[in-house]
Amino acid sequence: MTVTTIDLFNILKVRIGEGEAKALVEYIEMQVKDNLEENMTAYATKADLKEEVHKLEIKLEKMRSDLIKWMFIFWIG
């Protein structure tokens, strides 16, 4: 059963009054939002992954050029 914000407000309004119900619903929404924002920092976004892949590609290109350089020096020597 899914309870929306409006449903929660209407249920609480009958039991504890309109002002208190509004304050409680706003508090719950704020806590859920803060918790979600706090947990979102633990996840990698597509942009984060693209940045890491780009860094790895740069490292691989550098290693490849170093390998070619050393192979050339080896065969010359």
PDB file of N, CA and C in Angstrom:
ATOM      1  N   MET A   1       0.848  -1.182   0.000  1.00  0.00           N
ATOM      2  CA  MET A   1       0.000   0.000   0.000  1.00  0.00           C
ATOM      3  C   MET A   1       0.889   1.239   0.000  1.00  0.00           C
ATOM      4  N   THR A   2       0.685   2.103  -0.956  1.00  0.00           N
ATOM      5  CA  THR A   2       1.457   3.329  -1.062  1.00  0.00           C
ATOM      6  C   THR A   2       0.649   4.480  -0.470  1.00  0.00           C
ATOM      7  N   VAL A   3       1.291   5.212   0.417  1.00  0.00           N
ATOM      8  CA  VAL A   3       0.646   6.371   1.029  1.00  0.00           C
ATOM      9  C   VAL A   3       1.325   7.621   0.486  1.00  0.00           C
ATOM     10  N   THR A   4       0.554   8.484  -0.138  1.00  0.00           N
ATOM     11  CA  THR A   4       1.107   9.725  -0.662  1.00  0.00           C
ATOM     12  C   THR A   4       1.199  10.753   0.459  1.00  0.00           C
ATOM     13  N   THR A   5       1.857  11.849   0.153  1.00  0.00           N
ATOM     14  CA  THR A   5       1.992  12.930   1.125  1.00  0.00           C
ATOM     15  C   THR A   5       0.626  13.478   1.521  1.00  0.00           C
ATOM     16  N   ILE A   6      -0.238  13.597   0.541  1.00  0.00           N
ATOM     17  CA  ILE A   6      -1.587  14.132   0.815  1.00  0.00           C
ATOM     18  C   ILE A   6      -2.362  13.157   1.686  1.00  0.00           C
ATOM     19  N   ASP A   7      -2.268  11.853   1.389  1.00  0.00           N
ATOM     20  CA  ASP A   7      -2.949  10.853   2.211  1.00  0.00           C
ATOM     21  C   ASP A   7      -2.442  10.910   3.648  1.00  0.00           C
ATOM     22  N   LEU A   8      -1.136  10.984   3.811  1.00  0.00           N
ATOM     23  CA  LEU A   8      -0.552  11.053   5.145  1.00  0.00           C
ATOM     24  C   LEU A   8      -1.025  12.301   5.881  1.00  0.00           C
ATOM     25  N   PHE A   9      -1.048  13.421   5.177  1.00  0.00           N
ATOM     26  CA  PHE A   9      -1.513  14.661   5.791  1.00  0.00           C
ATOM     27  C   PHE A   9      -2.969  14.530   6.247  1.00  0.00           C
ATOM     28  N   ASN A  10      -3.820  13.968   5.402  1.00  0.00           N
ATOM     29  CA  ASN A  10      -5.243  13.825   5.755  1.00  0.00           C
ATOM     30  C   ASN A  10      -5.440  12.882   6.930  1.00  0.00           C
ATOM     31  N   ILE A  11      -4.669  11.803   6.982  1.00  0.00           N
ATOM     32  CA  ILE A  11      -4.773  10.865   8.106  1.00  0.00           C
ATOM     33  C   ILE A  11      -4.339  11.547   9.398  1.00  0.00           C
ATOM     34  N   LEU A  12      -3.214  12.239   9.340  1.00  0.00           N
ATOM     35  CA  LEU A  12      -2.706  12.894  10.549  1.00  0.00           C
ATOM     36  C   LEU A  12      -3.560  14.084  10.967  1.00  0.00           C
ATOM     37  N   LYS A  13      -4.135  14.784  10.001  1.00  0.00           N
ATOM     38  CA  LYS A  13      -4.957  15.964  10.307  1.00  0.00           C
ATOM     39  C   LYS A  13      -6.125  15.579  11.205  1.00  0.00           C
ATOM     40  N   VAL A  14      -6.725  14.442  10.939  1.00  0.00           N
ATOM     41  CA  VAL A  14      -7.861  13.987  11.742  1.00  0.00           C
ATOM     42  C   VAL A  14      -7.420  13.644  13.160  1.00  0.00           C
ATOM     43  N   ARG A  15      -6.230  13.080  13.299  1.00  0.00           N
ATOM     44  CA  ARG A  15      -5.785  12.606  14.611  1.00  0.00           C
ATOM     45  C   ARG A  15      -5.092  13.676  15.454  1.00  0.00           C
ATOM     46  N   ILE A  16      -4.239  14.509  14.822  1.00  0.00           N
ATOM     47  CA  ILE A  16      -3.450  15.444  15.649  1.00  0.00           C
ATOM     48  C   ILE A  16      -3.681  16.910  15.314  1.00  0.00           C
ATOM     49  N   GLY A  17      -4.493  17.194  14.324  1.00  0.00           N
ATOM     50  CA  GLY A  17      -4.765  18.579  13.963  1.00  0.00           C
ATOM     51  C   GLY A  17      -4.008  18.994  12.717  1.00  0.00           C
ATOM     52  N   GLU A  18      -4.532  20.050  12.075  1.00  0.00           N
ATOM     53  CA  GLU A  18      -3.990  20.461  10.785  1.00  0.00           C
ATOM     54  C   GLU A  18      -2.557  21.007  10.870  1.00  0.00           C
ATOM     55  N   GLY A  19      -2.309  21.881  11.821  1.00  0.00           N
ATOM     56  CA  GLY A  19      -0.983  22.489  11.948  1.00  0.00           C
ATOM     57  C   GLY A  19       0.098  21.465  12.259  1.00  0.00           C
ATOM     58  N   GLU A  20      -0.193  20.590  13.216  1.00  0.00           N
ATOM     59  CA  GLU A  20       0.773  19.567  13.599  1.00  0.00           C
ATOM     60  C   GLU A  20       0.979  18.565  12.475  1.00  0.00           C
ATOM     61  N   ALA A  21      -0.090  18.221  11.763  1.00  0.00           N
ATOM     62  CA  ALA A  21       0.018  17.284  10.648  1.00  0.00           C
ATOM     63  C   ALA A  21       0.894  17.865   9.544  1.00  0.00           C
ATOM     64  N   LYS A  22       0.690  19.142   9.250  1.00  0.00           N
ATOM     65  CA  LYS A  22       1.491  19.791   8.208  1.00  0.00           C
ATOM     66  C   LYS A  22       2.967  19.810   8.607  1.00  0.00           C
ATOM     67  N   ALA A  23       3.232  20.175   9.865  1.00  0.00           N
ATOM     68  CA  ALA A  23       4.613  20.224  10.345  1.00  0.00           C
ATOM     69  C   ALA A  23       5.260  18.838  10.301  1.00  0.00           C
ATOM     70  N   LEU A  24       4.533  17.801  10.688  1.00  0.00           N
ATOM     71  CA  LEU A  24       5.077  16.446  10.697  1.00  0.00           C
ATOM     72  C   LEU A  24       5.349  15.953   9.283  1.00  0.00           C
ATOM     73  N   VAL A  25       4.424  16.224   8.363  1.00  0.00           N
ATOM     74  CA  VAL A  25       4.622  15.803   6.973  1.00  0.00           C
ATOM     75  C   VAL A  25       5.833  16.526   6.368  1.00  0.00           C
ATOM     76  N   GLU A  26       5.973  17.825   6.620  1.00  0.00           N
ATOM     77  CA  GLU A  26       7.123  18.572   6.120  1.00  0.00           C
ATOM     78  C   GLU A  26       8.425  18.032   6.708  1.00  0.00           C
ATOM     79  N   TYR A  27       8.395  17.676   7.992  1.00  0.00           N
ATOM     80  CA  TYR A  27       9.583  17.114   8.638  1.00  0.00           C
ATOM     81  C   TYR A  27       9.961  15.781   7.988  1.00  0.00           C
ATOM     82  N   ILE A  28       8.983  14.937   7.765  1.00  0.00           N
ATOM     83  CA  ILE A  28       9.250  13.634   7.142  1.00  0.00           C
ATOM     84  C   ILE A  28       9.813  13.821   5.736  1.00  0.00           C
ATOM     85  N   GLU A  29       9.221  14.732   4.959  1.00  0.00           N
ATOM     86  CA  GLU A  29       9.720  14.996   3.603  1.00  0.00           C
ATOM     87  C   GLU A  29      11.163  15.481   3.637  1.00  0.00           C
ATOM     88  N   MET A  30      11.474  16.374   4.583  1.00  0.00           N
ATOM     89  CA  MET A  30      12.828  16.906   4.697  1.00  0.00           C
ATOM     90  C   MET A  30      13.814  15.800   5.057  1.00  0.00           C
ATOM     91  N   GLN A  31      13.433  14.923   5.980  1.00  0.00           N
ATOM     92  CA  GLN A  31      14.316  13.824   6.386  1.00  0.00           C
ATOM     93  C   GLN A  31      14.553  12.856   5.230  1.00  0.00           C
ATOM     94  N   VAL A  32      13.517  12.550   4.475  1.00  0.00           N
ATOM     95  CA  VAL A  32      13.665  11.651   3.335  1.00  0.00           C
ATOM     96  C   VAL A  32      14.580  12.286   2.291  1.00  0.00           C
ATOM     97  N   LYS A  33      14.386  13.584   2.025  1.00  0.00           N
ATOM     98  CA  LYS A  33      15.220  14.282   1.048  1.00  0.00           C
ATOM     99  C   LYS A  33      16.679  14.308   1.495  1.00  0.00           C
ATOM    100  N   ASP A  34      16.927  14.624   2.760  1.00  0.00           N
ATOM    101  CA  ASP A  34      18.295  14.658   3.287  1.00  0.00           C
ATOM    102  C   ASP A  34      18.948  13.285   3.221  1.00  0.00           C
ATOM    103  N   ASN A  35      18.182  12.261   3.563  1.00  0.00           N
ATOM    104  CA  ASN A  35      18.712  10.894   3.527  1.00  0.00           C
ATOM    105  C   ASN A  35      19.052  10.488   2.104  1.00  0.00           C
ATOM    106  N   LEU A  36      18.198  10.855   1.159  1.00  0.00           N
ATOM    107  CA  LEU A  36      18.447  10.531  -0.245  1.00  0.00           C
ATOM    108  C   LEU A  36      19.694  11.252  -0.750  1.00  0.00           C
ATOM    109  N   GLU A  37      19.832  12.544  -0.444  1.00  0.00           N
ATOM    110  CA  GLU A  37      21.005  13.304  -0.871  1.00  0.00           C
ATOM    111  C   GLU A  37      22.282  12.743  -0.256  1.00  0.00           C
ATOM    112  N   GLU A  38      22.199  12.333   0.998  1.00  0.00           N
ATOM    113  CA  GLU A  38      23.362  11.771   1.690  1.00  0.00           C
ATOM    114  C   GLU A  38      23.791  10.464   1.036  1.00  0.00           C
ATOM    115  N   ASN A  39      22.836   9.639   0.655  1.00  0.00           N
ATOM    116  CA  ASN A  39      23.155   8.347   0.046  1.00  0.00           C
ATOM    117  C   ASN A  39      23.579   8.488  -1.412  1.00  0.00           C
ATOM    118  N   MET A  40      23.178   9.542  -2.082  1.00  0.00           N
ATOM    119  CA  MET A  40      23.534   9.717  -3.484  1.00  0.00           C
ATOM    120  C   MET A  40      25.029   9.970  -3.665  1.00  0.00           C
ATOM    121  N   THR A  41      25.692  10.463  -2.649  1.00  0.00           N
ATOM    122  CA  THR A  41      27.125  10.715  -2.771  1.00  0.00           C
ATOM    123  C   THR A  41      27.915   9.409  -2.817  1.00  0.00           C
ATOM    124  N   ALA A  42      27.303   8.314  -2.403  1.00  0.00           N
ATOM    125  CA  ALA A  42      27.997   7.029  -2.387  1.00  0.00           C
ATOM    126  C   ALA A  42      27.961   6.342  -3.744  1.00  0.00           C
ATOM    127  N   TYR A  43      27.144   6.824  -4.650  1.00  0.00           N
ATOM    128  CA  TYR A  43      26.989   6.175  -5.948  1.00  0.00           C
ATOM    129  C   TYR A  43      27.744   6.938  -7.027  1.00  0.00           C
ATOM    130  N   ALA A  44      28.246   6.196  -7.994  1.00  0.00           N
ATOM    131  CA  ALA A  44      28.941   6.805  -9.129  1.00  0.00           C
ATOM    132  C   ALA A  44      27.909   7.159 -10.197  1.00  0.00           C
ATOM    133  N   THR A  45      28.069   8.317 -10.782  1.00  0.00           N
ATOM    134  CA  THR A  45      27.184   8.725 -11.864  1.00  0.00           C
ATOM    135  C   THR A  45      27.830   8.366 -13.196  1.00  0.00           C
ATOM    136  N   LYS A  46      27.071   8.521 -14.251  1.00  0.00           N
ATOM    137  CA  LYS A  46      27.614   8.258 -15.580  1.00  0.00           C
ATOM    138  C   LYS A  46      28.797   9.173 -15.861  1.00  0.00           C
ATOM    139  N   ALA A  47      28.702  10.414 -15.413  1.00  0.00           N
ATOM    140  CA  ALA A  47      29.805  11.364 -15.626  1.00  0.00           C
ATOM    141  C   ALA A  47      31.060  10.903 -14.887  1.00  0.00           C
ATOM    142  N   ASP A  48      30.885  10.394 -13.668  1.00  0.00           N
ATOM    143  CA  ASP A  48      32.034   9.882 -12.910  1.00  0.00           C
ATOM    144  C   ASP A  48      32.689   8.719 -13.644  1.00  0.00           C
ATOM    145  N   LEU A  49      31.863   7.814 -14.141  1.00  0.00           N
ATOM    146  CA  LEU A  49      32.401   6.653 -14.849  1.00  0.00           C
ATOM    147  C   LEU A  49      33.089   7.058 -16.141  1.00  0.00           C
ATOM    148  N   LYS A  50      32.504   8.005 -16.872  1.00  0.00           N
ATOM    149  CA  LYS A  50      33.133   8.476 -18.108  1.00  0.00           C
ATOM    150  C   LYS A  50      34.490   9.096 -17.821  1.00  0.00           C
ATOM    151  N   GLU A  51      34.576   9.866 -16.735  1.00  0.00           N
ATOM    152  CA  GLU A  51      35.838  10.506 -16.363  1.00  0.00           C
ATOM    153  C   GLU A  51      36.901   9.461 -16.036  1.00  0.00           C
ATOM    154  N   GLU A  52      36.536   8.423 -15.297  1.00  0.00           N
ATOM    155  CA  GLU A  52      37.487   7.374 -14.954  1.00  0.00           C
ATOM    156  C   GLU A  52      37.923   6.589 -16.183  1.00  0.00           C
ATOM    157  N   VAL A  53      37.002   6.305 -17.084  1.00  0.00           N
ATOM    158  CA  VAL A  53      37.343   5.598 -18.320  1.00  0.00           C
ATOM    159  C   VAL A  53      38.302   6.443 -19.149  1.00  0.00           C
ATOM    160  N   HIS A  54      38.052   7.746 -19.195  1.00  0.00           N
ATOM    161  CA  HIS A  54      38.931   8.648 -19.941  1.00  0.00           C
ATOM    162  C   HIS A  54      40.340   8.639 -19.346  1.00  0.00           C
ATOM    163  N   LYS A  55      40.441   8.661 -18.032  1.00  0.00           N
ATOM    164  CA  LYS A  55      41.760   8.609 -17.374  1.00  0.00           C
ATOM    165  C   LYS A  55      42.483   7.305 -17.727  1.00  0.00           C
ATOM    166  N   LEU A  56      41.745   6.209 -17.722  1.00  0.00           N
ATOM    167  CA  LEU A  56      42.366   4.925 -18.068  1.00  0.00           C
ATOM    168  C   LEU A  56      42.821   4.892 -19.520  1.00  0.00           C
ATOM    169  N   GLU A  57      42.027   5.468 -20.409  1.00  0.00           N
ATOM    170  CA  GLU A  57      42.419   5.517 -21.822  1.00  0.00           C
ATOM    171  C   GLU A  57      43.706   6.310 -22.007  1.00  0.00           C
ATOM    172  N   ILE A  58      43.842   7.412 -21.290  1.00  0.00           N
ATOM    173  CA  ILE A  58      45.057   8.228 -21.369  1.00  0.00           C
ATOM    174  C   ILE A  58      46.262   7.422 -20.877  1.00  0.00           C
ATOM    175  N   LYS A  59      46.085   6.706 -19.759  1.00  0.00           N
ATOM    176  CA  LYS A  59      47.190   5.885 -19.236  1.00  0.00           C
ATOM    177  C   LYS A  59      47.575   4.795 -20.228  1.00  0.00           C
ATOM    178  N   LEU A  60      46.576   4.164 -20.846  1.00  0.00           N
ATOM    179  CA  LEU A  60      46.875   3.112 -21.825  1.00  0.00           C
ATOM    180  C   LEU A  60      47.610   3.667 -23.037  1.00  0.00           C
ATOM    181  N   GLU A  61      47.222   4.848 -23.495  1.00  0.00           N
ATOM    182  CA  GLU A  61      47.911   5.474 -24.628  1.00  0.00           C
ATOM    183  C   GLU A  61      49.365   5.772 -24.279  1.00  0.00           C
ATOM    184  N   LYS A  62      49.602   6.253 -23.070  1.00  0.00           N
ATOM    185  CA  LYS A  62      50.965   6.553 -22.635  1.00  0.00           C
ATOM    186  C   LYS A  62      51.791   5.266 -22.550  1.00  0.00           C
ATOM    187  N   MET A  63      51.190   4.218 -21.990  1.00  0.00           N
ATOM    188  CA  MET A  63      51.909   2.950 -21.894  1.00  0.00           C
ATOM    189  C   MET A  63      52.219   2.403 -23.284  1.00  0.00           C
ATOM    190  N   ARG A  64      51.292   2.545 -24.204  1.00  0.00           N
ATOM    191  CA  ARG A  64      51.496   2.054 -25.564  1.00  0.00           C
ATOM    192  C   ARG A  64      52.654   2.802 -26.231  1.00  0.00           C
ATOM    193  N   SER A  65      52.667   4.120 -26.069  1.00  0.00           N
ATOM    194  CA  SER A  65      53.752   4.890 -26.686  1.00  0.00           C
ATOM    195  C   SER A  65      55.096   4.550 -26.047  1.00  0.00           C
ATOM    196  N   ASP A  66      55.121   4.345 -24.740  1.00  0.00           N
ATOM    197  CA  ASP A  66      56.358   3.937 -24.073  1.00  0.00           C
ATOM    198  C   ASP A  66      56.819   2.570 -24.564  1.00  0.00           C
ATOM    199  N   LEU A  67      55.888   1.663 -24.729  1.00  0.00           N
ATOM    200  CA  LEU A  67      56.223   0.320 -25.208  1.00  0.00           C
ATOM    201  C   LEU A  67      56.804   0.367 -26.624  1.00  0.00           C
ATOM    202  N   ILE A  68      56.181   1.153 -27.482  1.00  0.00           N
ATOM    203  CA  ILE A  68      56.691   1.285 -28.858  1.00  0.00           C
ATOM    204  C   ILE A  68      58.091   1.889 -28.842  1.00  0.00           C
ATOM    205  N   LYS A  69      58.304   2.907 -28.009  1.00  0.00           N
ATOM    206  CA  LYS A  69      59.620   3.541 -27.901  1.00  0.00           C
ATOM    207  C   LYS A  69      60.676   2.527 -27.468  1.00  0.00           C
ATOM    208  N   TRP A  70      60.400   1.746 -26.427  1.00  0.00           N
ATOM    209  CA  TRP A  70      61.363   0.777 -25.932  1.00  0.00           C
ATOM    210  C   TRP A  70      61.577  -0.372 -26.918  1.00  0.00           C
ATOM    211  N   MET A  71      60.525  -0.757 -27.635  1.00  0.00           N
ATOM    212  CA  MET A  71      60.715  -1.794 -28.660  1.00  0.00           C
ATOM    213  C   MET A  71      61.639  -1.283 -29.756  1.00  0.00           C
ATOM    214  N   PHE A  72      61.484  -0.032 -30.157  1.00  0.00           N
ATOM    215  CA  PHE A  72      62.328   0.563 -31.177  1.00  0.00           C
ATOM    216  C   PHE A  72      63.776   0.600 -30.689  1.00  0.00           C
ATOM    217  N   ILE A  73      63.968   1.042 -29.442  1.00  0.00           N
ATOM    218  CA  ILE A  73      65.329   1.092 -28.886  1.00  0.00           C
ATOM    219  C   ILE A  73      65.929  -0.309 -28.805  1.00  0.00           C
ATOM    220  N   PHE A  74      65.131  -1.301 -28.430  1.00  0.00           N
ATOM    221  CA  PHE A  74      65.615  -2.680 -28.344  1.00  0.00           C
ATOM    222  C   PHE A  74      66.075  -3.179 -29.711  1.00  0.00           C
ATOM    223  N   TRP A  75      65.278  -2.957 -30.748  1.00  0.00           N
ATOM    224  CA  TRP A  75      65.610  -3.488 -32.059  1.00  0.00           C
ATOM    225  C   TRP A  75      66.772  -2.723 -32.704  1.00  0.00           C
ATOM    226  N   ILE A  76      66.918  -1.452 -32.374  1.00  0.00           N
ATOM    227  CA  ILE A  76      68.060  -0.690 -32.870  1.00  0.00           C
ATOM    228  C   ILE A  76      69.342  -1.206 -32.209  1.00  0.00           C
ATOM    229  N   GLY A  77      69.229  -1.453 -30.900  1.00  0.00           N
ATOM    230  CA  GLY A  77      70.407  -1.875 -30.140  1.00  0.00           C
ATOM    231  C   GLY A  77      70.795  -3.281 -30.494  1.00  0.00           C
TER     232      GLY A  77
END
